[in-house]
Amino acid sequence: MNNYAAVLEYDGTGFKGFQLQPKNVRTVQGELLKALNVLLNSFCDFSYAGRTDAGVHARHQVINFKSEKELDLYRFKWKLNCILPEEIVVKDIKKVDGSFNARKDARVREYSYYVVNNNYQSVFLKRYSLMITKNLDLEAMRLAAEKFVGTFDFAAFCNNNFHRGFTVKQVYSFKIRRFGGSLLVFKITANSFLYNMVRIIVGTVLEIGKGQRSLDSIDIAFKSKDRKRSGKIVPAKGLFLTGVSY
């Protein structure tokens, strides 16, 4: 069997997340499987690096699948992009080692969240960012971001309804950068993420930027392992999967 890995991006607005779900629910994986079925008689071992939630986007999602066919990768990518809906595009595809698995072999995942801190939102950003009109304290938020770097139990920063088991994760970096005066990008990398983890962390940091909570509240939330001690979850539309490293 030939093993193929592809890098793709998608606008998650019209999807109920990446992962395949019951019939009549539109997902990114569902659209990919339909397109691959059209072009290949059979394939197997489909895998993906990150299970993005409903409304979350990706600029660098990685998938892999196996096929008996020896593909002309240039022509195959072209045909696949012609069949896929306009919200999904395959950026690159290559043949990889037979043991490669897009999910199990991923070592670092990177997510970025976009915030417009202004009294208006560009028409080209409305669909992909959160607008906050209150002036945010960038330095306070950067100090808050540093508290999340390291290996911790993130039970207070995830949706407890989906994580009743192992909630310890390692965050490698968390940076907040300002672009063009009003666009803030929250970029966080970790070995993996819990359900809603990034959106809850960003929501917590934004509350500190607004002066609604103290820096010490992060330490209290970590120690308590209580979701009620952390901030509100931010909307999915501002979140992107922006990198996967192997």
Foldseek 3Di string as FASTA:
>chain_A
DWKKKFWKWFQQAQAQWADDDDPPGHHVVVLLVVLVVVVAVDKDDKAKADTGGRRAIAPTIMIMIGDPDDDPQVVVQVSSQVRGPPRMHTPDMDIDDPPDGNHPPWQKWKKKFKEFADPDDPPVCPQAHHYDPQQFDQVQLQVLQVVQAAWAQCLLQADVVQDPDGRIWHKHGWDWDDDPNTMIMTMTMTRYHHHLRVQQSVQQSRCVRNVNDHSVLVVVSRVVSHNVSTGDGDDNRRMYGYDTDD
